[in-house]
């Protein structure tokens, strides 16, 4: 099971991927920590949630993030395409609120391929990028002893099969580790009643 996970995460360079669910920002931060380099994080200006770069310090150096605010999804996709194509950033994270249609999705894939960057769109469940190489559903798992415990399910995979993994972030090593099924069951029982 670990071998299957390590072949798919960190995500493939030169491709655009999707993540949704309440754990999607954690997924993006962990990916940024494992890929290294500069991160371009793009979101529409009207999104209510603010990004605090210091909160990413458990994952990567906050000085390595460029935050961009856009007027709308069209501008978000255009900025992401330029960032991916430039090759100047290792990861481009784009927050979107509507599905990314096939033509703009293919443009993003071509830009990622050209710049050898990783693209990641964060979107509401059910609204993704039609051209995404992989699509992930990310959810936190309850654990009294580990706030980083997550369930990551690959729900679309152009290069393989779908699967789910319980994972946790190791801040010291700045790596994602797969959690054994036994540890996952013990950690997710919840607080005593």
C-alpha atoms as a PDB file:
ATOM      1  CA  UNK A   1       0.000   0.000   0.000  1.00  0.00           C
ATOM      2  CA  UNK A   2       2.876   2.406   0.830  1.00  0.00           C
ATOM      3  CA  UNK A   3       4.473   1.688  -2.553  1.00  0.00           C
ATOM      4  CA  UNK A   4       1.247   2.634  -4.349  1.00  0.00           C
ATOM      5  CA  UNK A   5       1.057   5.905  -2.409  1.00  0.00           C
ATOM      6  CA  UNK A   6       4.705   6.841  -2.980  1.00  0.00           C
ATOM      7  CA  UNK A   7       4.294   6.439  -6.737  1.00  0.00           C
ATOM      8  CA  UNK A   8       1.510   9.016  -6.814  1.00  0.00           C
ATOM      9  CA  UNK A   9       2.437  11.538  -4.084  1.00  0.00           C
ATOM     10  CA  UNK A  10       4.113  14.003  -4.388  1.00  0.00           C
ATOM     11  CA  UNK A  11       2.121  14.663  -7.524  1.00  0.00           C
ATOM     12  CA  UNK A  12       3.580  14.328 -10.998  1.00  0.00           C
ATOM     13  CA  UNK A  13       5.421  17.378 -12.325  1.00  0.00           C
ATOM     14  CA  UNK A  14       4.304  18.866 -15.623  1.00  0.00           C
ATOM     15  CA  UNK A  15       0.661  18.087 -14.818  1.00  0.00           C
ATOM     16  CA  UNK A  16      -2.390  19.743 -13.248  1.00  0.00           C
ATOM     17  CA  UNK A  17      -4.278  17.959 -10.478  1.00  0.00           C
ATOM     18  CA  UNK A  18      -7.451  18.655  -8.442  1.00  0.00           C
ATOM     19  CA  UNK A  19      -8.253  18.503  -4.734  1.00  0.00           C
ATOM     20  CA  UNK A  20     -11.522  19.107  -2.927  1.00  0.00           C
ATOM     21  CA  UNK A  21     -12.954  18.591   0.529  1.00  0.00           C
ATOM     22  CA  UNK A  22     -12.235  20.225   3.882  1.00  0.00           C
ATOM     23  CA  UNK A  23      -8.661  18.883   3.875  1.00  0.00           C
ATOM     24  CA  UNK A  24      -7.762  20.293   0.429  1.00  0.00           C
ATOM     25  CA  UNK A  25      -5.782  23.305   1.762  1.00  0.00           C
ATOM     26  CA  UNK A  26      -3.794  20.907   4.001  1.00  0.00           C
ATOM     27  CA  UNK A  27      -3.156  18.732   0.914  1.00  0.00           C
ATOM     28  CA  UNK A  28      -1.837  21.790  -0.965  1.00  0.00           C
ATOM     29  CA  UNK A  29       0.387  22.846   1.940  1.00  0.00           C
ATOM     30  CA  UNK A  30       1.827  19.318   2.324  1.00  0.00           C
ATOM     31  CA  UNK A  31       2.461  19.142  -1.423  1.00  0.00           C
ATOM     32  CA  UNK A  32       4.234  22.514  -1.295  1.00  0.00           C
ATOM     33  CA  UNK A  33       6.384  21.307   1.578  1.00  0.00           C
ATOM     34  CA  UNK A  34       7.416  18.158  -0.236  1.00  0.00           C
ATOM     35  CA  UNK A  35       8.070  19.693  -3.661  1.00  0.00           C
ATOM     36  CA  UNK A  36      10.127  22.645  -2.426  1.00  0.00           C
ATOM     37  CA  UNK A  37      10.699  25.882  -4.282  1.00  0.00           C
ATOM     38  CA  UNK A  38       8.407  28.831  -4.768  1.00  0.00           C
ATOM     39  CA  UNK A  39       4.626  28.442  -4.514  1.00  0.00           C
ATOM     40  CA  UNK A  40       2.211  30.696  -6.393  1.00  0.00           C
ATOM     41  CA  UNK A  41      -1.180  30.628  -4.615  1.00  0.00           C
ATOM     42  CA  UNK A  42      -3.974  32.317  -6.598  1.00  0.00           C
ATOM     43  CA  UNK A  43      -7.515  33.010  -5.434  1.00  0.00           C
ATOM     44  CA  UNK A  44     -10.330  35.383  -6.360  1.00  0.00           C
ATOM     45  CA  UNK A  45     -10.297  38.575  -4.271  1.00  0.00           C
ATOM     46  CA  UNK A  46     -13.900  38.067  -3.243  1.00  0.00           C
ATOM     47  CA  UNK A  47     -13.164  34.744  -1.453  1.00  0.00           C
ATOM     48  CA  UNK A  48     -13.761  35.521   2.226  1.00  0.00           C
ATOM     49  CA  UNK A  49     -10.976  33.362   3.663  1.00  0.00           C
ATOM     50  CA  UNK A  50      -7.594  35.015   3.966  1.00  0.00           C
ATOM     51  CA  UNK A  51      -4.304  33.145   3.675  1.00  0.00           C
ATOM     52  CA  UNK A  52      -1.808  33.661   6.484  1.00  0.00           C
ATOM     53  CA  UNK A  53       1.622  32.725   5.088  1.00  0.00           C
ATOM     54  CA  UNK A  54       3.016  32.189   8.606  1.00  0.00           C
ATOM     55  CA  UNK A  55       0.499  29.356   9.081  1.00  0.00           C
ATOM     56  CA  UNK A  56       2.386  27.459   6.386  1.00  0.00           C
ATOM     57  CA  UNK A  57       5.630  27.473   8.391  1.00  0.00           C
ATOM     58  CA  UNK A  58       5.006  23.878   9.533  1.00  0.00           C
ATOM     59  CA  UNK A  59       5.131  22.900   5.849  1.00  0.00           C
ATOM     60  CA  UNK A  60       7.582  25.276   4.142  1.00  0.00           C
ATOM     61  CA  UNK A  61       9.292  28.632   4.543  1.00  0.00           C
ATOM     62  CA  UNK A  62       6.535  31.308   4.294  1.00  0.00           C
ATOM     63  CA  UNK A  63       8.955  33.486   2.311  1.00  0.00           C
ATOM     64  CA  UNK A  64       8.562  30.984  -0.540  1.00  0.00           C
ATOM     65  CA  UNK A  65       4.891  31.784  -1.196  1.00  0.00           C
ATOM     66  CA  UNK A  66       3.559  34.383  -3.607  1.00  0.00           C
ATOM     67  CA  UNK A  67      -0.078  35.261  -2.953  1.00  0.00           C
ATOM     68  CA  UNK A  68      -2.152  36.595  -5.850  1.00  0.00           C
ATOM     69  CA  UNK A  69      -5.721  37.884  -5.730  1.00  0.00           C
ATOM     70  CA  UNK A  70      -7.752  37.996  -8.946  1.00  0.00           C
ATOM     71  CA  UNK A  71     -11.016  39.566 -10.059  1.00  0.00           C
ATOM     72  CA  UNK A  72     -12.691  36.331 -11.196  1.00  0.00           C
ATOM     73  CA  UNK A  73     -12.112  32.733 -12.265  1.00  0.00           C
ATOM     74  CA  UNK A  74     -11.058  33.721 -15.792  1.00  0.00           C
ATOM     75  CA  UNK A  75      -8.286  35.880 -14.338  1.00  0.00           C
ATOM     76  CA  UNK A  76      -7.350  33.105 -11.871  1.00  0.00           C
ATOM     77  CA  UNK A  77      -6.923  30.608 -14.707  1.00  0.00           C
ATOM     78  CA  UNK A  78      -4.938  33.091 -16.811  1.00  0.00           C
ATOM     79  CA  UNK A  79      -2.563  33.841 -13.914  1.00  0.00           C
ATOM     80  CA  UNK A  80      -2.194  30.122 -13.202  1.00  0.00           C
ATOM     81  CA  UNK A  81      -1.406  29.414 -16.844  1.00  0.00           C
ATOM     82  CA  UNK A  82       1.324  32.077 -16.875  1.00  0.00           C
ATOM     83  CA  UNK A  83       2.780  30.813 -13.604  1.00  0.00           C
ATOM     84  CA  UNK A  84       2.835  27.206 -14.794  1.00  0.00           C
ATOM     85  CA  UNK A  85       4.371  28.077 -18.158  1.00  0.00           C
ATOM     86  CA  UNK A  86       7.096  30.281 -16.647  1.00  0.00           C
ATOM     87  CA  UNK A  87       8.861  27.425 -14.863  1.00  0.00           C
ATOM     88  CA  UNK A  88       9.775  29.965 -12.150  1.00  0.00           C
ATOM     89  CA  UNK A  89       7.590  28.298  -9.528  1.00  0.00           C
ATOM     90  CA  UNK A  90       7.471  24.656  -8.507  1.00  0.00           C
ATOM     91  CA  UNK A  91       3.785  24.654  -7.588  1.00  0.00           C
ATOM     92  CA  UNK A  92       0.808  26.753  -8.666  1.00  0.00           C
ATOM     93  CA  UNK A  93      -2.269  26.470  -6.432  1.00  0.00           C
ATOM     94  CA  UNK A  94      -5.454  27.974  -7.820  1.00  0.00           C
ATOM     95  CA  UNK A  95      -8.672  28.254  -5.854  1.00  0.00           C
ATOM     96  CA  UNK A  96     -11.774  28.102  -8.049  1.00  0.00           C
ATOM     97  CA  UNK A  97     -15.486  28.034  -7.308  1.00  0.00           C
ATOM     98  CA  UNK A  98     -16.802  26.630 -10.610  1.00  0.00           C
ATOM     99  CA  UNK A  99     -15.783  23.676 -12.789  1.00  0.00           C
ATOM    100  CA  UNK A 100     -12.831  24.266 -15.107  1.00  0.00           C
ATOM    101  CA  UNK A 101     -14.030  23.464 -18.621  1.00  0.00           C
ATOM    102  CA  UNK A 102     -12.050  21.217 -20.955  1.00  0.00           C
ATOM    103  CA  UNK A 103     -10.387  23.912 -23.114  1.00  0.00           C
ATOM    104  CA  UNK A 104      -9.017  26.022 -20.231  1.00  0.00           C
ATOM    105  CA  UNK A 105      -8.097  22.783 -18.449  1.00  0.00           C
ATOM    106  CA  UNK A 106      -6.066  21.616 -21.440  1.00  0.00           C
ATOM    107  CA  UNK A 107      -4.356  25.026 -21.630  1.00  0.00           C
ATOM    108  CA  UNK A 108      -3.313  24.599 -17.991  1.00  0.00           C
ATOM    109  CA  UNK A 109      -1.998  21.080 -18.720  1.00  0.00           C
ATOM    110  CA  UNK A 110       0.059  22.333 -21.660  1.00  0.00           C
ATOM    111  CA  UNK A 111       1.443  25.211 -19.581  1.00  0.00           C
ATOM    112  CA  UNK A 112       2.392  22.836 -16.729  1.00  0.00           C
ATOM    113  CA  UNK A 113       4.082  20.507 -19.185  1.00  0.00           C
ATOM    114  CA  UNK A 114       6.005  23.391 -20.766  1.00  0.00           C
ATOM    115  CA  UNK A 115       7.189  24.828 -17.421  1.00  0.00           C
ATOM    116  CA  UNK A 116       7.661  21.437 -15.676  1.00  0.00           C
ATOM    117  CA  UNK A 117       5.582  22.805 -12.774  1.00  0.00           C
ATOM    118  CA  UNK A 118       2.809  21.188 -10.753  1.00  0.00           C
ATOM    119  CA  UNK A 119      -0.648  22.721 -10.932  1.00  0.00           C
ATOM    120  CA  UNK A 120      -3.249  22.096  -8.228  1.00  0.00           C
ATOM    121  CA  UNK A 121      -6.784  23.423  -8.378  1.00  0.00           C
ATOM    122  CA  UNK A 122      -8.735  23.547  -5.128  1.00  0.00           C
ATOM    123  CA  UNK A 123     -12.439  23.459  -5.799  1.00  0.00           C
ATOM    124  CA  UNK A 124     -15.792  22.586  -4.225  1.00  0.00           C
ATOM    125  CA  UNK A 125     -16.739  18.907  -4.325  1.00  0.00           C
ATOM    126  CA  UNK A 126     -18.277  18.006  -7.668  1.00  0.00           C
ATOM    127  CA  UNK A 127     -16.651  20.914  -9.516  1.00  0.00           C
ATOM    128  CA  UNK A 128     -13.268  20.030 -10.943  1.00  0.00           C
ATOM    129  CA  UNK A 129     -10.967  20.444 -13.885  1.00  0.00           C
ATOM    130  CA  UNK A 130     -12.090  18.116 -16.682  1.00  0.00           C
ATOM    131  CA  UNK A 131      -8.498  17.782 -17.886  1.00  0.00           C
ATOM    132  CA  UNK A 132      -6.969  17.040 -14.450  1.00  0.00           C
ATOM    133  CA  UNK A 133      -4.525  14.138 -14.291  1.00  0.00           C
ATOM    134  CA  UNK A 134      -5.690  13.183 -10.790  1.00  0.00           C
ATOM    135  CA  UNK A 135      -8.541  14.293  -8.547  1.00  0.00           C
ATOM    136  CA  UNK A 136      -8.348  13.953  -4.765  1.00  0.00           C
ATOM    137  CA  UNK A 137     -10.964  14.124  -1.999  1.00  0.00           C
ATOM    138  CA  UNK A 138      -9.280  15.206   1.242  1.00  0.00           C
ATOM    139  CA  UNK A 139     -10.807  14.986   4.705  1.00  0.00           C
ATOM    140  CA  UNK A 140      -9.392  15.397   8.194  1.00  0.00           C
ATOM    141  CA  UNK A 141      -9.702  12.405  10.521  1.00  0.00           C
ATOM    142  CA  UNK A 142     -10.288  12.817  14.232  1.00  0.00           C
ATOM    143  CA  UNK A 143      -7.340  11.972  16.435  1.00  0.00           C
ATOM    144  CA  UNK A 144      -6.848  13.160  20.001  1.00  0.00           C
ATOM    145  CA  UNK A 145      -3.094  12.854  19.564  1.00  0.00           C
ATOM    146  CA  UNK A 146      -2.476  13.983  15.950  1.00  0.00           C
ATOM    147  CA  UNK A 147      -4.103  17.058  14.392  1.00  0.00           C
ATOM    148  CA  UNK A 148      -2.504  16.290  11.017  1.00  0.00           C
ATOM    149  CA  UNK A 149      -4.294  12.963  10.437  1.00  0.00           C
ATOM    150  CA  UNK A 150      -6.070  13.013   7.067  1.00  0.00           C
ATOM    151  CA  UNK A 151      -7.846  10.668   4.672  1.00  0.00           C
ATOM    152  CA  UNK A 152      -6.845  11.278   1.071  1.00  0.00           C
ATOM    153  CA  UNK A 153      -8.836   9.466  -1.622  1.00  0.00           C
ATOM    154  CA  UNK A 154      -7.861   9.566  -5.259  1.00  0.00           C
ATOM    155  CA  UNK A 155     -11.204   9.615  -7.092  1.00  0.00           C
ATOM    156  CA  UNK A 156      -9.894  10.185 -10.625  1.00  0.00           C
ATOM    157  CA  UNK A 157      -6.608   8.851 -11.934  1.00  0.00           C
ATOM    158  CA  UNK A 158      -5.717   8.925 -15.626  1.00  0.00           C
ATOM    159  CA  UNK A 159      -2.606   6.809 -15.002  1.00  0.00           C
ATOM    160  CA  UNK A 160      -3.820   4.162 -12.561  1.00  0.00           C
ATOM    161  CA  UNK A 161      -6.428   3.032 -10.090  1.00  0.00           C
ATOM    162  CA  UNK A 162      -8.322   4.905  -7.417  1.00  0.00           C
ATOM    163  CA  UNK A 163      -7.483   4.340  -3.755  1.00  0.00           C
ATOM    164  CA  UNK A 164      -7.638   5.872  -0.261  1.00  0.00           C
ATOM    165  CA  UNK A 165      -4.932   6.414   2.330  1.00  0.00           C
ATOM    166  CA  UNK A 166      -4.783   7.655   5.902  1.00  0.00           C
ATOM    167  CA  UNK A 167      -1.815   9.997   6.129  1.00  0.00           C
ATOM    168  CA  UNK A 168      -0.184  12.362   8.607  1.00  0.00           C
ATOM    169  CA  UNK A 169       2.288  15.217   8.316  1.00  0.00           C
ATOM    170  CA  UNK A 170       5.703  14.894   9.928  1.00  0.00           C
ATOM    171  CA  UNK A 171       6.744  18.500  10.591  1.00  0.00           C
ATOM    172  CA  UNK A 172      10.338  17.598  11.466  1.00  0.00           C
ATOM    173  CA  UNK A 173      10.969  15.634   8.266  1.00  0.00           C
ATOM    174  CA  UNK A 174       8.529  17.781   6.243  1.00  0.00           C
ATOM    175  CA  UNK A 175       7.025  14.659   4.744  1.00  0.00           C
ATOM    176  CA  UNK A 176       3.690  12.904   4.489  1.00  0.00           C
ATOM    177  CA  UNK A 177       3.626   9.448   6.034  1.00  0.00           C
ATOM    178  CA  UNK A 178       1.035   6.802   5.421  1.00  0.00           C
ATOM    179  CA  UNK A 179      -0.613   5.614   8.642  1.00  0.00           C
ATOM    180  CA  UNK A 180      -1.168   1.915   9.231  1.00  0.00           C
ATOM    181  CA  UNK A 181      -4.784   0.758   9.326  1.00  0.00           C
ATOM    182  CA  UNK A 182      -4.370  -0.214  12.985  1.00  0.00           C
ATOM    183  CA  UNK A 183      -3.134   3.257  13.938  1.00  0.00           C
ATOM    184  CA  UNK A 184      -5.894   4.866  11.887  1.00  0.00           C
ATOM    185  CA  UNK A 185      -8.616   2.862  13.663  1.00  0.00           C
ATOM    186  CA  UNK A 186      -7.117   3.624  17.082  1.00  0.00           C
ATOM    187  CA  UNK A 187      -6.841   7.348  16.316  1.00  0.00           C
ATOM    188  CA  UNK A 188     -10.312   7.770  14.842  1.00  0.00           C
ATOM    189  CA  UNK A 189     -12.381   6.224  17.647  1.00  0.00           C
ATOM    190  CA  UNK A 190     -13.085   9.668  19.028  1.00  0.00           C
ATOM    191  CA  UNK A 191     -13.099  10.911  22.576  1.00  0.00           C
ATOM    192  CA  UNK A 192     -14.393   8.649  25.327  1.00  0.00           C
ATOM    193  CA  UNK A 193     -18.093   9.073  25.969  1.00  0.00           C
END
